[in-house]
Amino acid sequence: MSDAVTALVAPFPSRIAAVWFRHMRVYTRNLFSNSLPPFIEPIIFLLGIGLGLGANIGRMQGLPYIQFLAFGLLMTSAMFTAAFEMSYGTYIRLMFDKVYDGMMGAPLTAIDIMVGEILWCGTKGAVFTASVLVICLVFGTLPLGWVLFAPVIGFLTGIMFACLALLITTVVSSINNFNFFFSGLLSPMFFFSGVVFPLSNLPSFLLPVAEIMPLTHPVRLVRGFATGFELVHLWDLACMLLFSTVVGWIAIRRMTRKLVE
């Protein structure tokens, strides 16, 4: 169906909401098995590294180490869940299950489908950030206060990594190629974006590389809830929005060509 006809059927917000709702219904059918592993992993890391190593490290950037680490894990949970959904999930829907073939037969455009998926990934990022946050608050790892707004940053982080994962999905030739994305990009990003130690500990020549890494900005931004906001946090927010806009636009255009073809 053409874009002009589609526009007469339902407004754009309704169409992307339909895509979002479809993914929510599918995801919640197996809610326990879908949500437990990504929810438990950061908690195990927090307990194993934060408590064990934190007893020997003391404080980082004025925060107890377990608290320093917890702020970073809020964002990594959003990163991994969004990246996984928009890489493996999207590829399977595209190449194996042929879900998009059926959706394109409905009054939906390729842009509707991809924007709906990106917003769904942002929602998952917010939900998993909130889940980890609740555990941290219950055990007293994080202080109650402005940190309650962390799921908003998790939503933006989920969108940002959904856009990146969608771009990767448009260039891989096999589902096995995602191993390079996770092991070669996301895993190093986990360790060199200020999650487990401050960026100031990096050699000076690696600092520009760390600033390029998308994860650096939400981690530093959410930690500002405890350390206090500075001008650099506006830079972080601007980088997140710019990255999502540019990379998302490129990825959606590439995926649109795939779906139309």
Protein backbone atom coordinates (compact mmCIF):
# COMPACT_ATOMS: atom_id res chain seq x y z
CA MET A 1 0.00 0.00 0.00
CA SER A 2 1.32 3.43 -0.90
CA ASP A 3 2.26 6.04 1.68
CA ALA A 4 -0.55 8.30 0.48
CA VAL A 5 -3.20 5.63 0.98
CA THR A 6 -1.73 4.61 4.31
CA ALA A 7 -1.92 8.17 5.56
CA LEU A 8 -5.69 8.11 4.88
CA VAL A 9 -6.15 4.91 6.88
CA ALA A 10 -4.64 6.01 10.20
CA PRO A 11 -2.42 8.83 11.45
CA PHE A 12 1.30 8.19 11.86
CA PRO A 13 1.23 7.97 15.70
CA SER A 14 -1.49 5.32 15.53
CA ARG A 15 0.46 3.25 13.03
CA ILE A 16 3.68 3.21 15.04
CA ALA A 17 1.65 2.54 18.19
CA ALA A 18 0.21 -0.53 16.46
CA VAL A 19 3.73 -1.81 15.76
CA TRP A 20 4.74 -1.12 19.37
CA PHE A 21 1.66 -2.91 20.67
CA ARG A 22 2.33 -5.93 18.46
CA HIS A 23 5.83 -6.32 19.91
CA MET A 24 4.55 -5.84 23.45
CA ARG A 25 1.96 -8.58 22.99
CA VAL A 26 4.50 -11.02 21.57
CA TYR A 27 7.08 -10.22 24.26
CA THR A 28 4.69 -10.60 27.19
CA ARG A 29 3.51 -14.02 26.07
CA ASN A 30 6.75 -15.40 27.52
CA LEU A 31 7.44 -12.60 29.96
CA PHE A 32 9.31 -14.65 32.55
CA SER A 33 11.79 -16.30 30.18
CA ASN A 34 12.24 -13.09 28.16
CA SER A 35 12.83 -10.70 31.02
CA LEU A 36 14.64 -12.72 33.66
CA PRO A 37 18.09 -13.19 32.04
CA PRO A 38 18.69 -9.52 31.10
CA PHE A 39 17.34 -8.51 34.50
CA ILE A 40 19.51 -10.91 36.51
CA GLU A 41 22.83 -10.38 34.69
CA PRO A 42 23.51 -6.81 35.89
CA ILE A 43 22.45 -7.79 39.40
CA ILE A 44 24.94 -10.68 39.46
CA PHE A 45 27.64 -8.36 38.14
CA LEU A 46 26.76 -5.76 40.75
CA LEU A 47 26.94 -8.28 43.58
CA GLY A 48 30.01 -10.12 42.33
CA ILE A 49 32.12 -7.14 41.29
CA GLY A 50 30.56 -4.30 43.25
CA LEU A 51 30.55 -5.99 46.64
CA GLY A 52 33.67 -8.12 46.23
CA LEU A 53 35.92 -5.65 44.46
CA GLY A 54 34.30 -2.62 46.06
CA ALA A 55 35.54 -3.64 49.50
CA ASN A 56 39.13 -3.20 48.27
CA ILE A 57 38.65 -0.11 46.09
CA GLY A 58 36.82 2.34 48.30
CA ARG A 59 35.50 5.41 46.48
CA MET A 60 35.53 6.58 42.87
CA GLN A 61 34.63 10.14 41.86
CA GLY A 62 33.42 10.72 45.40
CA LEU A 63 31.05 7.73 45.34
CA PRO A 64 31.34 4.30 47.02
CA TYR A 65 32.49 1.93 44.31
CA ILE A 66 29.34 -0.21 44.39
CA GLN A 67 27.29 2.95 43.82
CA PHE A 68 29.65 4.11 41.07
CA LEU A 69 29.20 0.75 39.36
CA ALA A 70 25.44 0.65 39.88
CA PHE A 71 24.92 3.88 37.95
CA GLY A 72 26.79 2.40 35.01
CA LEU A 73 24.87 -0.86 35.10
CA LEU A 74 21.58 1.02 34.83
CA MET A 75 22.63 2.10 31.35
CA THR A 76 24.31 -1.13 30.25
CA SER A 77 21.07 -3.01 30.92
CA ALA A 78 19.30 -0.61 28.54
CA MET A 79 22.11 -0.93 25.99
CA PHE A 80 22.19 -4.72 25.83
CA THR A 81 18.44 -5.32 25.81
CA ALA A 82 17.86 -2.76 23.03
CA ALA A 83 20.83 -3.93 20.98
CA PHE A 84 19.79 -7.58 21.23
CA GLU A 85 16.18 -6.84 20.27
CA MET A 86 17.11 -4.72 17.26
CA SER A 87 19.83 -7.05 15.98
CA TYR A 88 18.90 -10.71 16.49
CA GLY A 89 15.20 -9.95 16.91
CA THR A 90 14.92 -7.76 13.82
CA TYR A 91 17.03 -10.10 11.69
CA ILE A 92 14.88 -13.10 12.63
CA ARG A 93 11.68 -11.18 11.88
CA LEU A 94 13.16 -10.09 8.56
CA MET A 95 14.86 -13.20 7.24
CA PHE A 96 13.31 -16.23 8.98
CA ASP A 97 9.83 -15.49 10.31
CA LYS A 98 8.99 -13.04 7.48
CA VAL A 99 7.00 -10.96 9.94
CA TYR A 100 7.64 -7.78 8.01
CA ASP A 101 6.12 -9.25 4.86
CA GLY A 102 2.81 -9.55 6.64
CA MET A 103 3.12 -6.13 8.27
CA MET A 104 3.85 -4.50 4.91
CA GLY A 105 0.61 -6.00 3.65
CA ALA A 106 -1.26 -4.10 6.35
CA PRO A 107 -1.75 -0.32 6.20
CA LEU A 108 1.82 0.24 7.39
CA THR A 109 4.89 1.64 5.69
CA ALA A 110 8.46 0.50 6.26
CA ILE A 111 9.10 3.71 8.19
CA ASP A 112 6.12 2.97 10.48
CA ILE A 113 7.52 -0.46 11.24
CA MET A 114 11.05 0.67 11.99
CA VAL A 115 10.06 3.69 14.07
CA GLY A 116 7.67 1.48 16.04
CA GLU A 117 10.46 -1.03 16.66
CA ILE A 118 12.89 1.66 17.79
CA LEU A 119 10.33 3.03 20.24
CA TRP A 120 9.69 -0.49 21.51
CA CYS A 121 13.43 -0.89 22.15
CA GLY A 122 13.44 2.43 23.96
CA THR A 123 10.58 1.18 26.12
CA LYS A 124 12.51 -1.98 26.95
CA GLY A 125 15.52 0.14 27.82
CA ALA A 126 13.43 2.19 30.24
CA VAL A 127 11.81 -0.90 31.79
CA PHE A 128 15.09 -2.73 32.36
CA THR A 129 16.69 0.41 33.74
CA ALA A 130 13.77 0.76 36.14
CA SER A 131 14.04 -2.93 37.12
CA VAL A 132 17.70 -2.67 38.04
CA LEU A 133 17.01 0.65 39.75
CA VAL A 134 14.33 -0.91 41.97
CA ILE A 135 16.74 -3.62 43.11
CA CYS A 136 19.43 -1.03 43.84
CA LEU A 137 17.00 1.09 45.82
CA VAL A 138 15.68 -1.89 47.79
CA PHE A 139 19.20 -2.89 48.85
CA GLY A 140 20.25 0.71 49.49
CA THR A 141 22.88 0.69 46.75
CA LEU A 142 21.61 3.95 45.24
CA PRO A 143 20.17 6.95 47.08
CA LEU A 144 16.51 7.85 46.64
CA GLY A 145 16.05 11.14 44.80
CA TRP A 146 16.70 12.40 41.30
CA VAL A 147 17.89 8.91 40.34
CA LEU A 148 14.20 8.03 39.93
CA PHE A 149 14.45 9.78 36.56
CA ALA A 150 17.07 7.25 35.40
CA PRO A 151 14.49 5.28 33.31
CA VAL A 152 14.10 8.38 31.13
CA ILE A 153 17.81 8.20 30.34
CA GLY A 154 17.35 4.45 29.88
CA PHE A 155 14.66 5.14 27.29
CA LEU A 156 16.99 7.44 25.34
CA THR A 157 19.80 4.89 25.68
CA GLY A 158 17.55 2.14 24.36
CA ILE A 159 16.64 4.25 21.34
CA MET A 160 20.27 5.13 20.70
CA PHE A 161 21.46 1.52 20.69
CA ALA A 162 18.39 0.37 18.78
CA CYS A 163 19.40 2.76 16.00
CA LEU A 164 22.97 1.46 16.07
CA ALA A 165 21.84 -2.18 16.09
CA LEU A 166 19.41 -1.53 13.23
CA LEU A 167 22.23 -0.07 11.16
CA ILE A 168 24.35 -3.16 11.87
CA THR A 169 21.39 -5.37 10.92
CA THR A 170 21.19 -3.75 7.50
CA VAL A 171 24.80 -4.67 6.66
CA VAL A 172 25.27 -8.19 8.07
CA SER A 173 25.07 -11.09 5.68
CA SER A 174 24.46 -13.76 8.32
CA ILE A 175 22.99 -13.89 11.80
CA ASN A 176 26.35 -15.17 13.04
CA ASN A 177 27.91 -11.83 12.14
CA PHE A 178 26.22 -10.29 15.18
CA ASN A 179 28.90 -11.98 17.28
CA PHE A 180 31.32 -9.34 16.00
CA PHE A 181 28.88 -6.58 17.00
CA PHE A 182 28.49 -7.81 20.56
CA SER A 183 32.01 -9.09 21.20
CA GLY A 184 33.87 -6.53 19.12
CA LEU A 185 31.91 -3.37 19.91
CA LEU A 186 29.47 -3.62 22.80
CA SER A 187 31.70 -5.61 25.15
CA PRO A 188 34.70 -3.24 24.82
CA MET A 189 32.28 -0.34 25.18
CA PHE A 190 31.16 -1.82 28.49
CA PHE A 191 34.68 -1.57 29.89
CA PHE A 192 35.91 1.65 28.28
CA SER A 193 32.90 3.95 28.67
CA GLY A 194 33.24 4.75 32.34
CA VAL A 195 31.07 1.92 33.65
CA VAL A 196 33.60 0.07 35.81
CA PHE A 197 36.24 2.78 36.24
CA PRO A 198 36.49 6.53 35.56
CA LEU A 199 37.51 7.72 32.12
CA SER A 200 40.27 9.73 33.78
CA ASN A 201 42.09 6.44 34.40
CA LEU A 202 42.47 5.88 30.67
CA PRO A 203 45.64 6.93 28.83
CA SER A 204 45.23 10.38 27.32
CA PHE A 205 45.30 9.06 23.75
CA LEU A 206 42.26 6.87 24.47
CA LEU A 207 40.09 9.64 25.89
CA PRO A 208 38.89 10.84 22.45
CA VAL A 209 37.99 7.24 21.61
CA ALA A 210 35.97 6.97 24.82
CA GLU A 211 34.10 10.15 23.95
CA ILE A 212 33.10 8.66 20.61
CA MET A 213 31.62 5.58 22.25
CA PRO A 214 27.84 6.05 22.61
CA LEU A 215 27.65 4.42 26.04
CA THR A 216 29.96 7.02 27.59
CA HIS A 217 27.33 9.73 27.45
CA PRO A 218 24.35 8.08 29.21
CA VAL A 219 26.65 6.64 31.88
CA ARG A 220 28.14 10.03 32.68
CA LEU A 221 24.73 11.67 32.45
CA VAL A 222 22.96 9.30 34.86
CA ARG A 223 25.85 9.52 37.32
CA GLY A 224 25.22 13.25 37.44
CA PHE A 225 22.13 12.47 39.54
CA ALA A 226 24.54 11.79 42.42
CA THR A 227 27.62 13.89 41.65
CA GLY A 228 25.74 16.99 40.47
CA PHE A 229 25.04 18.19 36.96
CA GLU A 230 27.62 20.14 35.00
CA LEU A 231 27.88 21.63 31.54
CA VAL A 232 29.36 18.39 30.21
CA HIS A 233 26.06 16.66 30.88
CA LEU A 234 24.33 18.91 28.36
CA TRP A 235 26.99 17.79 25.90
CA ASP A 236 26.18 14.16 26.75
CA LEU A 237 22.46 14.68 26.16
CA ALA A 238 23.13 16.47 22.87
CA CYS A 239 25.42 13.65 21.72
CA MET A 240 22.77 11.04 22.50
CA LEU A 241 20.06 12.91 20.59
CA LEU A 242 22.34 13.66 17.64
CA PHE A 243 23.62 10.08 17.43
CA SER A 244 20.09 8.65 17.54
CA THR A 245 18.85 11.08 14.89
CA VAL A 246 21.69 10.62 12.41
CA VAL A 247 22.28 6.89 12.83
CA GLY A 248 18.55 6.20 13.06
CA TRP A 249 17.85 8.10 9.85
CA ILE A 250 20.55 6.21 7.96
CA ALA A 251 19.47 2.85 9.38
CA ILE A 252 15.78 3.38 8.61
CA ARG A 253 16.56 4.42 5.04
CA ARG A 254 18.69 1.30 4.53
CA MET A 255 16.12 -1.00 6.09
CA THR A 256 13.32 0.63 4.08
CA ARG A 257 15.13 -0.33 0.88
CA LYS A 258 15.45 -3.91 2.14
CA LEU A 259 11.76 -4.15 2.99
CA VAL A 260 10.59 -2.60 -0.27
CA GLU A 261 12.87 -4.84 -2.30
